[in-house]
Amino acid sequence: MRRPFIAGNWKMNLGIKEAVSLAQEIGIGCTPFRSVDVALAPTTLAVDAVNEALQGTGVHVASQNHHESDSGAFTGAVSATMLKEAGCAYAIIGHSERRTLFGETLDDVHNKVHSAFKAGLLPILCIGETLEQRENGQAQTIVQEQLLSALKDLSADQIAAITIAYEPVWAIGTGKTASPAEAQSMHAFIRSLLQERYPSFVANDIRIQYGGSVKPHNAKELLSQPDIDGALVGGASLTAKAFIGILTAITQG
């Protein structure tokens, strides 16, 4: 049985004091939900302080991005090793905003997955198609390309430890959400790809989150689908009420 995993991506929001305050509120609010894994991804500047604020709560910290190299002349960049030392347990990799706004390529994402593992971080690998790609019938082709490129040269054990976040780009920050049936269909497709190419435990163990305007009112129906194991939450993770509301919704009988 795969444990649900809810991660909040705060993106470029909240100063350090605001981040600590929200982390403390969420940490307290998560107390009743010990059957769910929870992570928060603050800005890099707030990682250390948020990690300190979450001590003893069971809530983990994730990074939003990292450079593929351990060190070097990369002004403004931060390595996975540094983020691990600052308290991160997970690393969000390949978010659509990184791909579209910052030009990250398939090779970049692949290299970051490997560097995350090298540093001791567990990747949250984001994949998903744009609206144009979906309307052109390319959704599965795009998702397959992104997935298999990122997983190249990893062991089966490493792949099973990854969390995949399927995020249809057209549903991120737009208020639009894939229907539960649409989301389940793509999640099932992703799991079938893994089943075809790797030992059976990989597809059985790997967790696949859905991301794209997840809110308390739609979380339960989405996460009740058999191949949806959690959510990567954007805007709704910026208030404790909404984020805890998602946890409440998915744990109600």
Protein backbone atom coordinates (compact mmCIF):
# COMPACT_ATOMS: atom_id res chain seq x y z
CA MET A 1 0.00 0.00 0.00
CA ARG A 2 1.50 3.32 -1.10
CA ARG A 3 1.42 6.10 1.51
CA PRO A 4 -0.17 9.33 0.25
CA PHE A 5 2.34 12.13 -0.26
CA ILE A 6 1.30 15.78 -0.26
CA ALA A 7 3.94 18.39 -1.07
CA GLY A 8 3.51 22.15 -1.07
CA ASN A 9 5.50 24.20 -3.58
CA TRP A 10 5.66 27.78 -2.35
CA LYS A 11 7.47 28.99 -5.47
CA MET A 12 8.85 32.56 -5.20
CA ASN A 13 6.60 33.55 -2.30
CA LEU A 14 7.06 34.36 1.41
CA GLY A 15 10.03 35.97 3.09
CA ILE A 16 11.86 34.04 5.78
CA LYS A 17 9.67 35.24 8.68
CA GLU A 18 6.47 34.55 6.75
CA ALA A 19 7.77 31.14 5.68
CA VAL A 20 8.65 30.17 9.25
CA SER A 21 5.25 31.29 10.51
CA LEU A 22 3.40 29.29 7.86
CA ALA A 23 5.62 26.24 8.38
CA GLN A 24 4.93 26.30 12.12
CA GLU A 25 1.19 26.55 11.52
CA ILE A 26 1.21 23.72 8.99
CA GLY A 27 3.48 21.61 11.20
CA ILE A 28 0.99 21.85 14.06
CA GLY A 29 -1.95 21.28 11.74
CA CYS A 30 -0.41 18.11 10.30
CA THR A 31 -0.32 16.38 13.70
CA PRO A 32 -3.52 14.32 13.09
CA PHE A 33 -2.35 13.11 9.68
CA ARG A 34 0.45 10.69 10.47
CA SER A 35 -0.65 8.33 7.70
CA VAL A 36 0.29 10.93 5.07
CA ASP A 37 3.80 12.04 4.09
CA VAL A 38 4.08 15.83 3.88
CA ALA A 39 6.78 18.13 2.50
CA LEU A 40 7.07 21.88 2.00
CA ALA A 41 9.26 23.59 -0.59
CA PRO A 42 10.12 27.16 0.45
CA THR A 43 12.49 29.45 -1.38
CA THR A 44 16.13 28.45 -1.08
CA LEU A 45 16.73 31.42 1.23
CA ALA A 46 14.20 30.04 3.73
CA VAL A 47 15.13 26.34 3.62
CA ASP A 48 17.28 26.35 6.75
CA ALA A 49 14.83 28.37 8.85
CA VAL A 50 11.81 26.33 7.70
CA ASN A 51 13.64 23.09 8.40
CA GLU A 52 14.33 24.32 11.94
CA ALA A 53 10.69 25.32 12.39
CA LEU A 54 9.48 21.87 11.32
CA GLN A 55 11.67 19.86 13.70
CA GLY A 56 9.60 17.23 15.50
CA THR A 57 6.54 17.67 13.27
CA GLY A 58 7.26 14.90 10.76
CA VAL A 59 6.96 17.39 7.90
CA HIS A 60 9.92 17.37 5.51
CA VAL A 61 11.53 20.14 3.46
CA ALA A 62 11.97 20.03 -0.31
CA SER A 63 14.03 22.23 -2.59
CA GLN A 64 12.46 23.90 -5.61
CA ASN A 65 15.50 23.64 -7.86
CA HIS A 66 19.23 22.97 -7.80
CA HIS A 67 22.25 23.06 -10.08
CA GLU A 68 23.41 19.74 -11.45
CA SER A 69 27.03 20.29 -10.32
CA ASP A 70 28.30 19.86 -6.77
CA SER A 71 30.26 23.14 -6.90
CA GLY A 72 31.90 25.50 -9.33
CA ALA A 73 31.78 28.92 -10.99
CA PHE A 74 27.99 29.09 -11.29
CA THR A 75 27.05 32.48 -9.88
CA GLY A 76 23.68 32.46 -8.16
CA ALA A 77 23.28 28.68 -8.22
CA VAL A 78 22.90 26.23 -5.34
CA SER A 79 23.89 22.56 -5.38
CA ALA A 80 21.92 19.56 -4.17
CA THR A 81 24.66 18.89 -1.62
CA MET A 82 24.19 22.36 -0.13
CA LEU A 83 20.44 21.90 0.05
CA LYS A 84 20.84 18.53 1.73
CA GLU A 85 23.10 20.13 4.34
CA ALA A 86 20.51 22.88 4.89
CA GLY A 87 17.88 20.29 5.74
CA CYS A 88 16.15 19.24 2.52
CA ALA A 89 14.95 15.66 2.16
CA TYR A 90 13.34 16.03 -1.29
CA ALA A 91 14.18 17.90 -4.49
CA ILE A 92 11.56 19.15 -6.93
CA ILE A 93 13.01 18.68 -10.41
CA GLY A 94 11.75 19.61 -13.86
CA HIS A 95 8.77 21.75 -12.87
CA SER A 96 7.10 23.14 -15.97
CA GLU A 97 8.02 26.67 -14.92
CA ARG A 98 11.68 25.65 -14.91
CA ARG A 99 11.29 24.05 -18.33
CA THR A 100 9.34 26.90 -19.97
CA LEU A 101 10.59 30.04 -18.21
CA PHE A 102 14.20 29.00 -17.64
CA GLY A 103 14.77 26.77 -20.64
CA GLU A 104 15.58 23.56 -18.80
CA THR A 105 16.08 20.70 -21.23
CA LEU A 106 15.53 16.96 -20.93
CA ASP A 107 19.26 16.58 -20.31
CA ASP A 108 19.18 19.20 -17.55
CA VAL A 109 16.38 17.37 -15.78
CA HIS A 110 18.13 14.02 -16.18
CA ASN A 111 21.35 15.42 -14.70
CA LYS A 112 19.52 17.00 -11.79
CA VAL A 113 17.81 13.70 -10.92
CA HIS A 114 21.22 12.03 -10.77
CA SER A 115 22.79 14.84 -8.71
CA ALA A 116 19.88 14.72 -6.27
CA PHE A 117 20.45 11.04 -5.61
CA LYS A 118 24.19 11.62 -5.29
CA ALA A 119 23.51 14.22 -2.58
CA GLY A 120 21.01 12.03 -0.73
CA LEU A 121 17.87 13.87 -1.84
CA LEU A 122 14.76 12.08 -3.10
CA PRO A 123 13.57 13.54 -6.41
CA ILE A 124 10.05 14.77 -7.03
CA LEU A 125 10.12 14.57 -10.82
CA CYS A 126 7.63 16.83 -12.60
CA ILE A 127 6.31 15.87 -16.02
CA GLY A 128 3.35 17.06 -18.06
CA GLU A 129 2.08 18.33 -21.37
CA THR A 130 0.92 21.78 -22.51
CA LEU A 131 -2.62 22.46 -23.70
CA GLU A 132 -1.42 22.65 -27.31
CA GLN A 133 0.30 19.28 -27.00
CA ARG A 134 -2.81 17.73 -25.48
CA GLU A 135 -5.09 19.14 -28.17
CA ASN A 136 -2.70 17.80 -30.83
CA GLY A 137 -2.92 14.31 -29.35
CA GLN A 138 0.68 14.38 -28.11
CA ALA A 139 0.07 14.20 -24.35
CA GLN A 140 1.21 10.61 -23.84
CA THR A 141 4.17 11.03 -26.21
CA ILE A 142 5.43 14.10 -24.34
CA VAL A 143 4.96 12.53 -20.91
CA GLN A 144 6.72 9.35 -22.00
CA GLU A 145 9.67 11.30 -23.41
CA GLN A 146 10.05 13.40 -20.26
CA LEU A 147 9.76 10.39 -17.98
CA LEU A 148 12.11 7.98 -19.72
CA SER A 149 14.73 10.65 -20.37
CA ALA A 150 14.83 11.56 -16.67
CA LEU A 151 15.06 7.91 -15.54
CA LYS A 152 17.87 6.91 -17.90
CA ASP A 153 20.81 5.16 -16.21
CA LEU A 154 19.09 4.88 -12.82
CA SER A 155 18.80 1.59 -10.96
CA ALA A 156 15.39 0.03 -10.35
CA ASP A 157 15.72 0.80 -6.64
CA GLN A 158 16.41 4.46 -7.37
CA ILE A 159 13.44 4.72 -9.72
CA ALA A 160 11.14 3.19 -7.12
CA ALA A 161 12.29 5.85 -4.63
CA ILE A 162 11.35 8.73 -6.94
CA THR A 163 8.05 10.56 -6.65
CA ILE A 164 6.60 11.44 -10.03
CA ALA A 165 4.43 14.56 -10.16
CA TYR A 166 2.17 14.58 -13.20
CA GLU A 167 1.31 18.22 -13.82
CA PRO A 168 -0.63 19.09 -16.95
CA VAL A 169 0.86 22.50 -17.72
CA TRP A 170 -2.55 23.88 -18.70
CA ALA A 171 -3.83 23.24 -15.16
CA ILE A 172 -1.02 24.92 -13.18
CA GLY A 173 -2.10 28.20 -11.61
CA THR A 174 -5.02 28.53 -14.01
CA GLY A 175 -7.83 27.30 -11.81
CA LYS A 176 -8.42 24.55 -14.36
CA THR A 177 -8.07 20.98 -13.17
CA ALA A 178 -7.92 17.74 -15.08
CA SER A 179 -11.02 15.73 -14.30
CA PRO A 180 -10.42 12.76 -11.99
CA ALA A 181 -10.89 10.48 -15.00
CA GLU A 182 -8.38 12.45 -17.11
CA ALA A 183 -5.83 12.50 -14.31
CA GLN A 184 -6.28 8.80 -13.56
CA SER A 185 -5.89 7.92 -17.23
CA MET A 186 -2.47 9.60 -17.44
CA HIS A 187 -1.34 8.24 -14.08
CA ALA A 188 -2.29 4.74 -15.21
CA PHE A 189 -0.37 5.30 -18.44
CA ILE A 190 2.73 6.37 -16.49
CA ARG A 191 2.51 3.32 -14.23
CA SER A 192 2.05 1.04 -17.24
CA LEU A 193 5.24 2.45 -18.81
CA LEU A 194 7.15 1.62 -15.64
CA GLN A 195 5.58 -1.84 -15.50
CA GLU A 196 6.73 -2.58 -19.05
CA ARG A 197 10.35 -1.47 -18.59
CA TYR A 198 11.35 -2.26 -15.02
CA PRO A 199 10.91 -4.96 -12.37
CA SER A 200 7.32 -5.10 -11.13
CA PHE A 201 8.11 -3.61 -7.72
CA VAL A 202 8.99 -0.28 -9.37
CA ALA A 203 5.49 0.34 -10.72
CA ASN A 204 3.94 -1.04 -7.54
CA ASP A 205 6.01 1.10 -5.15
CA ILE A 206 6.51 4.41 -6.96
CA ARG A 207 4.24 7.26 -5.93
CA ILE A 208 2.66 9.43 -8.60
CA GLN A 209 1.31 12.78 -7.48
CA TYR A 210 -1.13 14.96 -9.36
CA GLY A 211 -0.42 18.68 -9.60
CA GLY A 212 -2.55 21.40 -11.10
CA SER A 213 -4.92 23.59 -9.08
CA VAL A 214 -5.47 21.02 -6.33
CA LYS A 215 -7.78 22.48 -3.68
CA PRO A 216 -9.67 21.12 -0.63
CA HIS A 217 -12.87 20.79 -2.66
CA ASN A 218 -11.37 18.57 -5.39
CA ALA A 219 -8.60 16.74 -3.54
CA LYS A 220 -10.65 13.81 -2.26
CA GLU A 221 -12.07 12.87 -5.65
CA LEU A 222 -8.70 13.19 -7.35
CA LEU A 223 -6.79 11.18 -4.75
CA SER A 224 -9.43 8.46 -4.57
CA GLN A 225 -8.31 7.34 -8.03
CA PRO A 226 -6.31 4.08 -7.88
CA ASP A 227 -3.10 5.43 -9.46
CA ILE A 228 -3.02 8.88 -7.84
CA ASP A 229 -0.92 8.72 -4.69
CA GLY A 230 -0.73 12.36 -3.64
CA ALA A 231 -0.55 15.93 -4.82
CA LEU A 232 2.02 18.62 -5.56
CA VAL A 233 0.16 21.69 -4.38
CA GLY A 234 0.91 25.23 -5.49
CA GLY A 235 -1.31 28.16 -4.51
CA ALA A 236 -3.31 26.21 -1.94
CA SER A 237 -0.11 25.50 0.02
CA LEU A 238 0.37 29.20 0.78
CA THR A 239 -2.27 29.17 3.53
CA ALA A 240 -2.41 26.65 6.34
CA LYS A 241 -6.20 26.49 6.12
CA ALA A 242 -6.23 25.38 2.49
CA PHE A 243 -3.26 23.02 2.80
CA ILE A 244 -4.61 21.32 5.93
CA GLY A 245 -7.99 21.26 4.20
CA ILE A 246 -6.49 19.08 1.48
CA LEU A 247 -5.08 16.67 4.07
CA THR A 248 -8.43 16.59 5.84
CA ALA A 249 -10.29 15.91 2.60
CA ILE A 250 -8.14 12.97 1.54
CA THR A 251 -8.18 11.28 4.95
CA GLN A 252 -11.92 11.45 5.48
CA GLY A 253 -13.55 8.07 5.09
